[in-house]
């Protein structure tokens, strides 16, 4: 299989088919990125991400992986979406649950099992930057270095941030679980439940590292 950088090089030389293949390779992951963070407009945000990618493709220096570059664009699109009309938005403190109504997200509507829905709801109570961190690390299997490139933070801080996110998730699940059995089920390892969520949503791709 042709790797991303080879496809990107061909795209820059004018090979439109290479560009289409490169985009199609990552479109499901970008959709997944937005699916548990917005209530509506997910498809528009995906489209805006790839439009921004096309417009800036010549600026990509290749020092990072293409997917971390793409997720960095998606993150900026997401923050712009929430900043519009909200002076109080701060990705370090604002959670999806605090920004929008409590209706089920697209990802939650597709998740069949009760514990999967509970985990998706708990994720939305994290500060948006921590939610993004967890989903990139466990849903998409990005390395610490790739996650740090997306979030623009030192790679050495990723593991401590993940520990903080896990602690907050456990706290929220303990608070909101409707039964001890649900709590025990929902507190499985992130690698395990991320795999279940990908299967439940019918989306392939991404490899949990933990």
N, C-alpha and C. Protein backbone atom coordinates (compact mmCIF):
# COMPACT_ATOMS: atom_id res chain seq x y z
N UNK A 1 0.84 -1.20 0.00
CA UNK A 1 0.00 0.00 0.00
C UNK A 1 0.88 1.25 0.00
N UNK A 2 0.55 2.20 -0.86
CA UNK A 2 1.29 3.45 -0.92
C UNK A 2 1.10 4.24 0.37
N UNK A 3 2.21 4.74 0.95
CA UNK A 3 2.06 5.45 2.21
C UNK A 3 1.58 6.88 1.97
N UNK A 4 1.19 7.52 3.08
CA UNK A 4 0.58 8.85 2.98
C UNK A 4 1.51 9.87 2.34
N UNK A 5 2.78 9.85 2.71
CA UNK A 5 3.70 10.86 2.21
C UNK A 5 3.94 10.70 0.72
N UNK A 6 3.95 9.44 0.24
CA UNK A 6 4.10 9.22 -1.20
C UNK A 6 2.87 9.72 -1.95
N UNK A 7 1.69 9.47 -1.40
CA UNK A 7 0.47 9.99 -2.01
C UNK A 7 0.46 11.51 -2.00
N UNK A 8 0.91 12.09 -0.90
CA UNK A 8 0.96 13.54 -0.80
C UNK A 8 1.91 14.13 -1.84
N UNK A 9 3.07 13.50 -2.02
CA UNK A 9 4.03 13.98 -3.02
C UNK A 9 3.42 13.92 -4.41
N UNK A 10 2.71 12.83 -4.71
CA UNK A 10 2.07 12.70 -6.02
C UNK A 10 0.97 13.75 -6.19
N UNK A 11 0.23 14.00 -5.12
CA UNK A 11 -0.82 15.01 -5.16
C UNK A 11 -0.23 16.38 -5.48
N UNK A 12 0.88 16.70 -4.85
CA UNK A 12 1.52 18.00 -5.09
C UNK A 12 2.02 18.12 -6.53
N UNK A 13 2.32 16.99 -7.14
CA UNK A 13 2.76 17.01 -8.55
C UNK A 13 1.59 17.09 -9.51
N UNK A 14 0.39 17.14 -8.97
CA UNK A 14 -0.78 17.30 -9.82
C UNK A 14 -1.60 16.05 -10.01
N UNK A 15 -1.29 14.97 -9.28
CA UNK A 15 -2.03 13.73 -9.41
C UNK A 15 -3.28 13.80 -8.54
N UNK A 16 -4.41 14.15 -9.16
CA UNK A 16 -5.66 14.28 -8.42
C UNK A 16 -6.14 12.98 -7.81
N UNK A 17 -5.89 11.86 -8.49
CA UNK A 17 -6.31 10.56 -7.96
C UNK A 17 -5.59 10.25 -6.65
N UNK A 18 -4.31 10.63 -6.58
CA UNK A 18 -3.56 10.41 -5.34
C UNK A 18 -4.16 11.23 -4.20
N UNK A 19 -4.56 12.46 -4.51
CA UNK A 19 -5.18 13.30 -3.49
C UNK A 19 -6.50 12.72 -3.01
N UNK A 20 -7.31 12.22 -3.95
CA UNK A 20 -8.58 11.62 -3.57
C UNK A 20 -8.38 10.38 -2.71
N UNK A 21 -7.38 9.57 -3.06
CA UNK A 21 -7.09 8.37 -2.28
C UNK A 21 -6.62 8.74 -0.87
N UNK A 22 -5.78 9.76 -0.78
CA UNK A 22 -5.27 10.20 0.52
C UNK A 22 -6.41 10.68 1.40
N UNK A 23 -7.31 11.46 0.84
CA UNK A 23 -8.44 11.97 1.61
C UNK A 23 -9.37 10.84 2.02
N UNK A 24 -9.67 9.93 1.07
CA UNK A 24 -10.58 8.83 1.38
C UNK A 24 -10.02 7.93 2.48
N UNK A 25 -8.72 7.84 2.56
CA UNK A 25 -8.07 7.01 3.57
C UNK A 25 -8.34 7.54 4.98
N UNK A 26 -8.57 8.83 5.12
CA UNK A 26 -8.68 9.44 6.46
C UNK A 26 -10.06 10.03 6.76
N UNK A 27 -10.98 9.98 5.81
CA UNK A 27 -12.25 10.67 6.01
C UNK A 27 -13.05 10.08 7.17
N UNK A 28 -13.02 8.76 7.36
CA UNK A 28 -13.77 8.16 8.46
C UNK A 28 -13.19 8.57 9.81
N UNK A 29 -11.88 8.65 9.89
CA UNK A 29 -11.25 9.05 11.15
C UNK A 29 -11.59 10.50 11.50
N UNK A 30 -11.63 11.37 10.49
CA UNK A 30 -11.98 12.77 10.74
C UNK A 30 -13.44 12.87 11.16
N UNK A 31 -14.30 12.09 10.52
CA UNK A 31 -15.71 12.08 10.93
C UNK A 31 -15.84 11.61 12.38
N UNK A 32 -15.08 10.58 12.72
CA UNK A 32 -15.09 10.06 14.09
C UNK A 32 -14.60 11.12 15.08
N UNK A 33 -13.65 11.94 14.65
CA UNK A 33 -13.11 13.00 15.51
C UNK A 33 -14.21 13.95 15.95
N UNK A 34 -15.11 14.29 15.02
CA UNK A 34 -16.16 15.26 15.34
C UNK A 34 -17.41 14.62 15.96
N UNK A 35 -17.60 13.31 15.76
CA UNK A 35 -18.89 12.69 16.05
C UNK A 35 -19.32 12.78 17.51
N UNK A 36 -18.39 12.77 18.46
CA UNK A 36 -18.76 12.85 19.87
C UNK A 36 -18.50 14.23 20.46
N UNK A 37 -18.27 15.21 19.57
CA UNK A 37 -17.96 16.56 20.06
C UNK A 37 -18.97 17.61 19.62
N UNK A 38 -19.85 17.28 18.69
CA UNK A 38 -20.87 18.23 18.24
C UNK A 38 -22.21 17.51 18.17
N UNK A 39 -23.28 18.27 18.26
CA UNK A 39 -24.62 17.70 18.15
C UNK A 39 -25.13 17.73 16.72
N UNK A 40 -24.70 18.70 15.96
CA UNK A 40 -25.14 18.82 14.57
C UNK A 40 -24.02 19.48 13.77
N UNK A 41 -24.12 19.33 12.45
CA UNK A 41 -23.11 19.94 11.59
C UNK A 41 -21.83 19.15 11.47
N UNK A 42 -21.86 17.88 11.88
CA UNK A 42 -20.64 17.06 11.83
C UNK A 42 -20.10 16.96 10.41
N UNK A 43 -20.98 16.69 9.44
CA UNK A 43 -20.54 16.53 8.05
C UNK A 43 -19.92 17.82 7.52
N UNK A 44 -20.49 18.96 7.91
CA UNK A 44 -19.94 20.25 7.46
C UNK A 44 -18.53 20.46 8.02
N UNK A 45 -18.33 20.07 9.26
CA UNK A 45 -17.00 20.24 9.87
C UNK A 45 -15.98 19.33 9.20
N UNK A 46 -16.39 18.12 8.84
CA UNK A 46 -15.50 17.22 8.10
C UNK A 46 -15.13 17.84 6.77
N UNK A 47 -16.14 18.35 6.07
CA UNK A 47 -15.87 18.98 4.77
C UNK A 47 -14.94 20.18 4.92
N UNK A 48 -15.18 21.00 5.92
CA UNK A 48 -14.33 22.17 6.14
C UNK A 48 -12.88 21.78 6.44
N UNK A 49 -12.73 20.66 7.16
CA UNK A 49 -11.38 20.18 7.46
C UNK A 49 -10.63 19.82 6.20
N UNK A 50 -11.28 19.09 5.30
CA UNK A 50 -10.59 18.68 4.08
C UNK A 50 -10.40 19.84 3.11
N UNK A 51 -11.33 20.80 3.11
CA UNK A 51 -11.12 21.99 2.29
C UNK A 51 -9.90 22.76 2.78
N UNK A 52 -9.77 22.89 4.10
CA UNK A 52 -8.59 23.57 4.66
C UNK A 52 -7.32 22.79 4.35
N UNK A 53 -7.42 21.47 4.37
CA UNK A 53 -6.26 20.64 4.04
C UNK A 53 -5.83 20.86 2.60
N UNK A 54 -6.80 20.87 1.68
CA UNK A 54 -6.48 21.09 0.27
C UNK A 54 -5.83 22.45 0.07
N UNK A 55 -6.36 23.46 0.75
CA UNK A 55 -5.85 24.82 0.58
C UNK A 55 -4.44 24.99 1.14
N UNK A 56 -4.09 24.19 2.15
CA UNK A 56 -2.79 24.37 2.81
C UNK A 56 -1.82 23.23 2.55
N UNK A 57 -2.17 22.33 1.62
CA UNK A 57 -1.36 21.13 1.45
C UNK A 57 0.09 21.44 1.10
N UNK A 58 0.33 22.53 0.39
CA UNK A 58 1.70 22.88 0.02
C UNK A 58 2.51 23.39 1.22
N UNK A 59 1.82 23.71 2.31
CA UNK A 59 2.52 24.20 3.51
C UNK A 59 2.99 23.07 4.41
N UNK A 60 2.53 21.85 4.14
CA UNK A 60 2.90 20.71 4.99
C UNK A 60 4.35 20.35 4.74
N UNK A 61 5.17 20.45 5.79
CA UNK A 61 6.61 20.25 5.63
C UNK A 61 7.03 18.80 5.74
N UNK A 62 6.15 17.93 6.23
CA UNK A 62 6.48 16.52 6.33
C UNK A 62 7.22 16.14 7.60
N UNK A 63 7.38 17.08 8.53
CA UNK A 63 8.08 16.75 9.78
C UNK A 63 7.18 15.93 10.70
N UNK A 64 5.88 16.07 10.56
CA UNK A 64 4.92 15.28 11.31
C UNK A 64 4.26 14.28 10.36
N UNK A 65 3.52 13.33 10.91
CA UNK A 65 2.77 12.42 10.05
C UNK A 65 1.61 13.19 9.42
N UNK A 66 1.14 12.72 8.27
CA UNK A 66 0.04 13.41 7.61
C UNK A 66 -1.21 13.38 8.48
N UNK A 67 -1.46 12.26 9.17
CA UNK A 67 -2.69 12.20 9.96
C UNK A 67 -2.64 13.15 11.15
N UNK A 68 -1.47 13.34 11.77
CA UNK A 68 -1.41 14.31 12.86
C UNK A 68 -1.61 15.73 12.33
N UNK A 69 -1.08 15.99 11.12
CA UNK A 69 -1.32 17.28 10.47
C UNK A 69 -2.82 17.49 10.22
N UNK A 70 -3.49 16.43 9.75
CA UNK A 70 -4.91 16.51 9.44
C UNK A 70 -5.74 16.70 10.71
N UNK A 71 -5.40 15.98 11.77
CA UNK A 71 -6.14 16.14 13.03
C UNK A 71 -5.89 17.52 13.64
N UNK A 72 -4.71 18.09 13.42
CA UNK A 72 -4.46 19.45 13.91
C UNK A 72 -5.38 20.44 13.21
N UNK A 73 -5.60 20.23 11.91
CA UNK A 73 -6.55 21.08 11.18
C UNK A 73 -7.96 20.89 11.75
N UNK A 74 -8.35 19.62 11.97
CA UNK A 74 -9.68 19.33 12.51
C UNK A 74 -9.87 19.98 13.88
N UNK A 75 -8.84 19.93 14.70
CA UNK A 75 -8.91 20.56 16.03
C UNK A 75 -9.14 22.06 15.90
N UNK A 76 -8.42 22.70 15.00
CA UNK A 76 -8.61 24.14 14.81
C UNK A 76 -10.02 24.46 14.30
N UNK A 77 -10.53 23.62 13.40
CA UNK A 77 -11.89 23.81 12.89
C UNK A 77 -12.90 23.67 14.04
N UNK A 78 -12.68 22.67 14.89
CA UNK A 78 -13.58 22.45 16.03
C UNK A 78 -13.56 23.63 16.99
N UNK A 79 -12.39 24.13 17.31
CA UNK A 79 -12.29 25.26 18.24
C UNK A 79 -12.94 26.51 17.64
N UNK A 80 -12.75 26.71 16.34
CA UNK A 80 -13.39 27.86 15.69
C UNK A 80 -14.91 27.73 15.76
N UNK A 81 -15.40 26.51 15.59
CA UNK A 81 -16.84 26.25 15.65
C UNK A 81 -17.40 26.67 17.02
N UNK A 82 -16.70 26.33 18.09
CA UNK A 82 -17.18 26.66 19.42
C UNK A 82 -16.89 28.10 19.83
N UNK A 83 -15.87 28.69 19.24
CA UNK A 83 -15.54 30.07 19.60
C UNK A 83 -16.51 31.07 18.97
N UNK A 84 -17.12 30.70 17.86
CA UNK A 84 -18.05 31.61 17.19
C UNK A 84 -19.20 31.95 18.13
N UNK A 85 -19.26 33.19 18.55
CA UNK A 85 -20.35 33.64 19.40
C UNK A 85 -20.21 33.28 20.87
N UNK A 86 -19.06 32.68 21.27
CA UNK A 86 -18.88 32.31 22.68
C UNK A 86 -17.55 32.84 23.19
N UNK A 87 -17.58 33.95 23.84
CA UNK A 87 -16.34 34.53 24.38
C UNK A 87 -15.77 33.69 25.52
N UNK A 88 -16.62 32.89 26.17
CA UNK A 88 -16.17 32.14 27.33
C UNK A 88 -15.58 30.79 26.97
N UNK A 89 -15.49 30.45 25.68
CA UNK A 89 -14.97 29.13 25.31
C UNK A 89 -13.48 29.04 25.60
N UNK A 90 -13.10 27.97 26.30
CA UNK A 90 -11.70 27.67 26.59
C UNK A 90 -11.53 26.16 26.52
N UNK A 91 -10.77 25.64 25.55
CA UNK A 91 -10.65 24.19 25.40
C UNK A 91 -10.02 23.50 26.60
N UNK A 92 -9.33 24.26 27.45
CA UNK A 92 -8.71 23.66 28.63
C UNK A 92 -9.70 23.48 29.78
N UNK A 93 -10.84 24.17 29.71
CA UNK A 93 -11.82 24.07 30.79
C UNK A 93 -13.23 23.75 30.28
N UNK A 94 -13.56 24.14 29.07
CA UNK A 94 -14.91 23.94 28.54
C UNK A 94 -15.08 22.51 28.03
N UNK A 95 -16.17 21.86 28.44
CA UNK A 95 -16.49 20.53 27.94
C UNK A 95 -17.63 20.62 26.94
N UNK A 96 -17.79 19.58 26.13
CA UNK A 96 -18.92 19.55 25.21
C UNK A 96 -20.22 19.64 25.99
N UNK A 97 -20.29 18.94 27.12
CA UNK A 97 -21.51 18.95 27.93
C UNK A 97 -21.86 20.35 28.42
N UNK A 98 -20.86 21.20 28.62
CA UNK A 98 -21.12 22.56 29.10
C UNK A 98 -21.44 23.52 27.96
N UNK A 99 -21.17 23.11 26.72
CA UNK A 99 -21.31 24.00 25.58
C UNK A 99 -22.60 23.80 24.81
N UNK A 100 -23.15 22.60 24.85
CA UNK A 100 -24.34 22.30 24.06
C UNK A 100 -25.35 21.56 24.92
N UNK A 101 -26.55 21.32 24.37
CA UNK A 101 -27.58 20.63 25.13
C UNK A 101 -27.18 19.17 25.34
N UNK A 102 -27.98 18.47 26.13
CA UNK A 102 -27.60 17.12 26.55
C UNK A 102 -28.11 16.02 25.63
N UNK A 103 -28.63 16.38 24.47
CA UNK A 103 -29.09 15.35 23.53
C UNK A 103 -27.93 14.47 23.11
N UNK A 104 -28.25 13.25 22.71
CA UNK A 104 -27.21 12.29 22.34
C UNK A 104 -26.42 12.78 21.13
N UNK A 105 -25.12 12.53 21.17
CA UNK A 105 -24.26 12.87 20.04
C UNK A 105 -24.45 11.84 18.94
N UNK A 106 -23.99 12.14 17.69
CA UNK A 106 -24.06 11.13 16.62
C UNK A 106 -23.39 9.83 17.01
N UNK A 107 -22.25 9.90 17.66
CA UNK A 107 -21.55 8.67 18.06
C UNK A 107 -22.36 7.90 19.09
N UNK A 108 -22.97 8.62 20.03
CA UNK A 108 -23.73 7.93 21.07
C UNK A 108 -24.97 7.26 20.50
N UNK A 109 -25.62 7.89 19.52
CA UNK A 109 -26.80 7.29 18.91
C UNK A 109 -26.46 5.98 18.22
N UNK A 110 -25.22 5.85 17.73
CA UNK A 110 -24.81 4.64 17.03
C UNK A 110 -24.28 3.56 17.96
N UNK A 111 -23.93 3.93 19.16
CA UNK A 111 -23.38 2.96 20.11
C UNK A 111 -24.53 2.17 20.73
N UNK A 112 -24.47 0.85 20.61
CA UNK A 112 -25.60 0.02 21.01
C UNK A 112 -25.62 -0.28 22.50
N UNK A 113 -24.49 -0.60 23.08
CA UNK A 113 -24.46 -1.07 24.46
C UNK A 113 -24.55 0.09 25.45
N UNK A 114 -25.20 -0.17 26.58
CA UNK A 114 -25.40 0.88 27.58
C UNK A 114 -24.08 1.41 28.11
N UNK A 115 -23.10 0.51 28.34
CA UNK A 115 -21.83 0.98 28.88
C UNK A 115 -21.08 1.84 27.87
N UNK A 116 -21.26 1.57 26.57
CA UNK A 116 -20.61 2.40 25.55
C UNK A 116 -21.22 3.79 25.53
N UNK A 117 -22.55 3.86 25.67
CA UNK A 117 -23.19 5.18 25.72
C UNK A 117 -22.76 5.93 26.97
N UNK A 118 -22.62 5.22 28.08
CA UNK A 118 -22.18 5.87 29.32
C UNK A 118 -20.78 6.45 29.16
N UNK A 119 -19.90 5.72 28.50
CA UNK A 119 -18.54 6.20 28.30
C UNK A 119 -18.49 7.40 27.37
N UNK A 120 -19.30 7.37 26.32
CA UNK A 120 -19.34 8.51 25.41
C UNK A 120 -19.86 9.75 26.12
N UNK A 121 -20.88 9.57 26.96
CA UNK A 121 -21.39 10.71 27.73
C UNK A 121 -20.33 11.23 28.69
N UNK A 122 -19.62 10.31 29.34
CA UNK A 122 -18.58 10.72 30.29
C UNK A 122 -17.46 11.48 29.58
N UNK A 123 -17.11 11.03 28.39
CA UNK A 123 -16.07 11.74 27.62
C UNK A 123 -16.46 13.18 27.38
N UNK A 124 -17.74 13.43 27.14
CA UNK A 124 -18.17 14.79 26.82
C UNK A 124 -18.16 15.71 28.03
N UNK A 125 -17.94 15.16 29.22
CA UNK A 125 -17.81 16.03 30.40
C UNK A 125 -16.37 16.47 30.63
N UNK A 126 -15.42 15.86 29.91
CA UNK A 126 -14.02 16.27 30.04
C UNK A 126 -13.82 17.62 29.37
N UNK A 127 -12.86 18.42 29.83
CA UNK A 127 -12.45 19.58 29.04
C UNK A 127 -12.15 19.13 27.61
N UNK A 128 -12.55 19.92 26.64
CA UNK A 128 -12.48 19.49 25.24
C UNK A 128 -11.08 19.06 24.83
N UNK A 129 -10.06 19.72 25.37
CA UNK A 129 -8.70 19.35 25.02
C UNK A 129 -8.36 17.95 25.54
N UNK A 130 -8.85 17.59 26.74
CA UNK A 130 -8.61 16.25 27.27
C UNK A 130 -9.44 15.21 26.52
N UNK A 131 -10.67 15.55 26.16
CA UNK A 131 -11.47 14.62 25.36
C UNK A 131 -10.77 14.31 24.04
N UNK A 132 -10.26 15.36 23.40
CA UNK A 132 -9.53 15.18 22.15
C UNK A 132 -8.31 14.29 22.35
N UNK A 133 -7.58 14.53 23.43
CA UNK A 133 -6.40 13.74 23.74
C UNK A 133 -6.75 12.25 23.87
N UNK A 134 -7.77 11.95 24.66
CA UNK A 134 -8.16 10.55 24.89
C UNK A 134 -8.58 9.89 23.58
N UNK A 135 -9.39 10.56 22.80
CA UNK A 135 -9.90 9.96 21.57
C UNK A 135 -8.80 9.75 20.54
N UNK A 136 -7.87 10.69 20.44
CA UNK A 136 -6.76 10.51 19.50
C UNK A 136 -5.86 9.36 19.94
N UNK A 137 -5.62 9.25 21.24
CA UNK A 137 -4.71 8.21 21.73
C UNK A 137 -5.33 6.82 21.64
N UNK A 138 -6.62 6.71 21.99
CA UNK A 138 -7.21 5.39 22.10
C UNK A 138 -8.10 5.00 20.93
N UNK A 139 -8.83 5.93 20.37
CA UNK A 139 -9.64 5.59 19.20
C UNK A 139 -8.77 5.48 17.96
N UNK A 140 -7.87 6.45 17.81
CA UNK A 140 -7.09 6.51 16.57
C UNK A 140 -5.71 5.89 16.70
N UNK A 141 -5.27 5.60 17.91
CA UNK A 141 -3.98 4.96 18.10
C UNK A 141 -2.79 5.83 17.77
N UNK A 142 -2.94 7.15 17.86
CA UNK A 142 -1.81 8.03 17.60
C UNK A 142 -0.75 7.85 18.69
N UNK A 143 0.50 7.98 18.30
CA UNK A 143 1.59 7.92 19.27
C UNK A 143 1.60 9.18 20.13
N UNK A 144 2.34 9.12 21.23
CA UNK A 144 2.46 10.32 22.07
C UNK A 144 2.99 11.49 21.27
N UNK A 145 3.95 11.23 20.40
CA UNK A 145 4.52 12.31 19.59
C UNK A 145 3.47 12.89 18.65
N UNK A 146 2.68 12.02 18.01
CA UNK A 146 1.66 12.52 17.09
C UNK A 146 0.60 13.32 17.84
N UNK A 147 0.18 12.82 19.00
CA UNK A 147 -0.81 13.55 19.79
C UNK A 147 -0.25 14.91 20.20
N UNK A 148 1.01 14.94 20.59
CA UNK A 148 1.62 16.21 21.00
C UNK A 148 1.67 17.20 19.84
N UNK A 149 1.85 16.68 18.62
CA UNK A 149 1.87 17.55 17.44
C UNK A 149 0.49 18.14 17.17
N UNK A 150 -0.55 17.33 17.37
CA UNK A 150 -1.91 17.82 17.17
C UNK A 150 -2.26 18.87 18.21
N UNK A 151 -1.94 18.59 19.47
CA UNK A 151 -2.32 19.48 20.57
C UNK A 151 -1.34 20.61 20.81
N UNK A 152 -0.18 20.54 20.14
CA UNK A 152 0.85 21.58 20.27
C UNK A 152 1.34 21.69 21.72
N UNK A 153 1.65 20.52 22.29
CA UNK A 153 2.20 20.46 23.65
C UNK A 153 3.40 19.52 23.63
N UNK A 154 4.29 19.59 24.64
CA UNK A 154 5.44 18.68 24.67
C UNK A 154 5.00 17.22 24.76
N UNK A 155 5.69 16.35 24.03
CA UNK A 155 5.35 14.92 24.03
C UNK A 155 5.44 14.32 25.42
N UNK A 156 6.35 14.84 26.24
CA UNK A 156 6.53 14.31 27.58
C UNK A 156 5.36 14.54 28.51
N UNK A 157 4.41 15.39 28.11
CA UNK A 157 3.26 15.67 28.97
C UNK A 157 2.06 14.78 28.67
N UNK A 158 2.12 14.00 27.59
CA UNK A 158 0.94 13.27 27.14
C UNK A 158 0.50 12.22 28.16
N UNK A 159 1.43 11.43 28.68
CA UNK A 159 1.04 10.37 29.61
C UNK A 159 0.41 10.94 30.88
N UNK A 160 0.95 12.04 31.40
CA UNK A 160 0.37 12.62 32.61
C UNK A 160 -1.02 13.20 32.32
N UNK A 161 -1.20 13.75 31.13
CA UNK A 161 -2.52 14.26 30.76
C UNK A 161 -3.52 13.12 30.61
N UNK A 162 -3.06 11.99 30.05
CA UNK A 162 -3.94 10.83 29.94
C UNK A 162 -4.35 10.31 31.31
N UNK A 163 -3.42 10.30 32.25
CA UNK A 163 -3.76 9.86 33.61
C UNK A 163 -4.80 10.78 34.23
N UNK A 164 -4.64 12.07 34.00
CA UNK A 164 -5.63 13.02 34.53
C UNK A 164 -7.00 12.77 33.89
N UNK A 165 -7.00 12.54 32.58
CA UNK A 165 -8.26 12.28 31.89
C UNK A 165 -8.93 11.01 32.40
N UNK A 166 -8.13 9.95 32.62
CA UNK A 166 -8.68 8.71 33.15
C UNK A 166 -9.30 8.93 34.53
N UNK A 167 -8.63 9.71 35.37
CA UNK A 167 -9.15 9.97 36.70
C UNK A 167 -10.48 10.72 36.63
N UNK A 168 -10.56 11.70 35.74
CA UNK A 168 -11.81 12.45 35.57
C UNK A 168 -12.91 11.57 35.02
N UNK A 169 -12.57 10.68 34.08
CA UNK A 169 -13.56 9.76 33.53
C UNK A 169 -14.10 8.83 34.62
N UNK A 170 -13.20 8.28 35.42
CA UNK A 170 -13.63 7.39 36.49
C UNK A 170 -14.53 8.12 37.48
N UNK A 171 -14.18 9.36 37.78
CA UNK A 171 -14.99 10.17 38.71
C UNK A 171 -16.39 10.40 38.15
N UNK A 172 -16.47 10.74 36.85
CA UNK A 172 -17.77 10.98 36.23
C UNK A 172 -18.59 9.70 36.13
N UNK A 173 -17.95 8.60 35.78
CA UNK A 173 -18.68 7.33 35.69
C UNK A 173 -19.20 6.90 37.05
N UNK A 174 -18.41 7.09 38.08
CA UNK A 174 -18.85 6.75 39.44
C UNK A 174 -20.06 7.59 39.83
N UNK A 175 -20.04 8.85 39.43
CA UNK A 175 -21.15 9.76 39.76
C UNK A 175 -22.42 9.42 38.99
N UNK A 176 -22.28 9.06 37.71
CA UNK A 176 -23.44 8.98 36.84
C UNK A 176 -23.94 7.57 36.57
N UNK A 177 -23.16 6.54 36.88
CA UNK A 177 -23.58 5.17 36.56
C UNK A 177 -24.86 4.82 37.32
N UNK A 178 -25.79 4.19 36.62
CA UNK A 178 -27.09 3.88 37.22
C UNK A 178 -27.06 2.63 38.08
N UNK A 179 -25.98 1.85 38.00
CA UNK A 179 -25.89 0.63 38.80
C UNK A 179 -24.43 0.25 38.97
N UNK A 180 -24.09 -0.49 40.03
CA UNK A 180 -22.70 -0.97 40.19
C UNK A 180 -22.24 -1.81 39.01
N UNK A 181 -23.16 -2.59 38.44
CA UNK A 181 -22.78 -3.44 37.30
C UNK A 181 -22.39 -2.59 36.10
N UNK A 182 -23.15 -1.51 35.86
CA UNK A 182 -22.81 -0.62 34.75
C UNK A 182 -21.48 0.05 35.00
N UNK A 183 -21.25 0.49 36.23
CA UNK A 183 -19.98 1.14 36.56
C UNK A 183 -18.82 0.19 36.31
N UNK A 184 -18.94 -1.04 36.78
CA UNK A 184 -17.85 -2.01 36.59
C UNK A 184 -17.60 -2.27 35.11
N UNK A 185 -18.69 -2.40 34.35
CA UNK A 185 -18.55 -2.66 32.92
C UNK A 185 -17.92 -1.47 32.21
N UNK A 186 -18.35 -0.26 32.58
CA UNK A 186 -17.88 0.95 31.90
C UNK A 186 -16.44 1.28 32.23
N UNK A 187 -15.92 0.73 33.31
CA UNK A 187 -14.55 1.03 33.72
C UNK A 187 -13.52 0.03 33.18
N UNK A 188 -13.88 -0.67 32.13
CA UNK A 188 -12.89 -1.52 31.45
C UNK A 188 -11.77 -0.64 30.89
N UNK A 189 -10.68 -1.26 30.51
CA UNK A 189 -9.57 -0.48 29.98
C UNK A 189 -9.99 0.27 28.73
N UNK A 190 -9.35 1.42 28.50
CA UNK A 190 -9.68 2.24 27.34
C UNK A 190 -9.46 1.50 26.04
N UNK A 191 -8.43 0.71 25.96
CA UNK A 191 -8.17 -0.03 24.72
C UNK A 191 -9.33 -0.95 24.40
N UNK A 192 -9.89 -1.59 25.43
CA UNK A 192 -10.99 -2.52 25.23
C UNK A 192 -12.25 -1.80 24.78
N UNK A 193 -12.65 -0.75 25.52
CA UNK A 193 -13.91 -0.12 25.14
C UNK A 193 -13.80 0.69 23.87
N UNK A 194 -12.62 1.21 23.56
CA UNK A 194 -12.45 1.91 22.29
C UNK A 194 -12.69 0.97 21.12
N UNK A 195 -12.20 -0.27 21.25
CA UNK A 195 -12.42 -1.25 20.19
C UNK A 195 -13.90 -1.56 20.06
N UNK A 196 -14.61 -1.67 21.20
CA UNK A 196 -16.04 -1.94 21.16
C UNK A 196 -16.79 -0.78 20.51
N UNK A 197 -16.40 0.45 20.83
CA UNK A 197 -17.08 1.61 20.26
C UNK A 197 -16.88 1.66 18.75
N UNK A 198 -15.65 1.41 18.28
CA UNK A 198 -15.42 1.41 16.84
C UNK A 198 -16.29 0.38 16.15
N UNK A 199 -16.42 -0.80 16.77
CA UNK A 199 -17.26 -1.84 16.17
C UNK A 199 -18.73 -1.44 16.21
N UNK A 200 -19.16 -0.85 17.32
CA UNK A 200 -20.56 -0.47 17.48
C UNK A 200 -20.96 0.62 16.50
N UNK A 201 -20.04 1.52 16.20
CA UNK A 201 -20.36 2.60 15.28
C UNK A 201 -20.14 2.20 13.83
N UNK A 202 -19.65 0.98 13.62
CA UNK A 202 -19.45 0.51 12.26
C UNK A 202 -18.31 1.17 11.55
N UNK A 203 -17.37 1.73 12.30
CA UNK A 203 -16.25 2.46 11.71
C UNK A 203 -14.98 1.68 11.93
N UNK A 204 -14.32 1.35 10.84
CA UNK A 204 -13.05 0.63 10.95
C UNK A 204 -11.92 1.62 11.08
N UNK A 205 -10.77 1.10 11.54
CA UNK A 205 -9.59 1.96 11.59
C UNK A 205 -9.25 2.38 13.00
N UNK A 206 -8.01 2.84 13.18
CA UNK A 206 -7.55 3.23 14.50
C UNK A 206 -7.11 2.01 15.28
N UNK A 207 -6.03 2.13 15.99
CA UNK A 207 -5.50 1.00 16.73
C UNK A 207 -5.16 1.45 18.13
N UNK A 208 -5.88 0.94 19.14
CA UNK A 208 -5.58 1.29 20.52
C UNK A 208 -4.19 0.82 20.89
N UNK A 209 -3.46 1.65 21.62
CA UNK A 209 -2.10 1.30 21.99
C UNK A 209 -2.02 0.81 23.43
N UNK A 210 -3.10 0.99 24.19
CA UNK A 210 -3.01 0.69 25.62
C UNK A 210 -4.08 -0.33 25.98
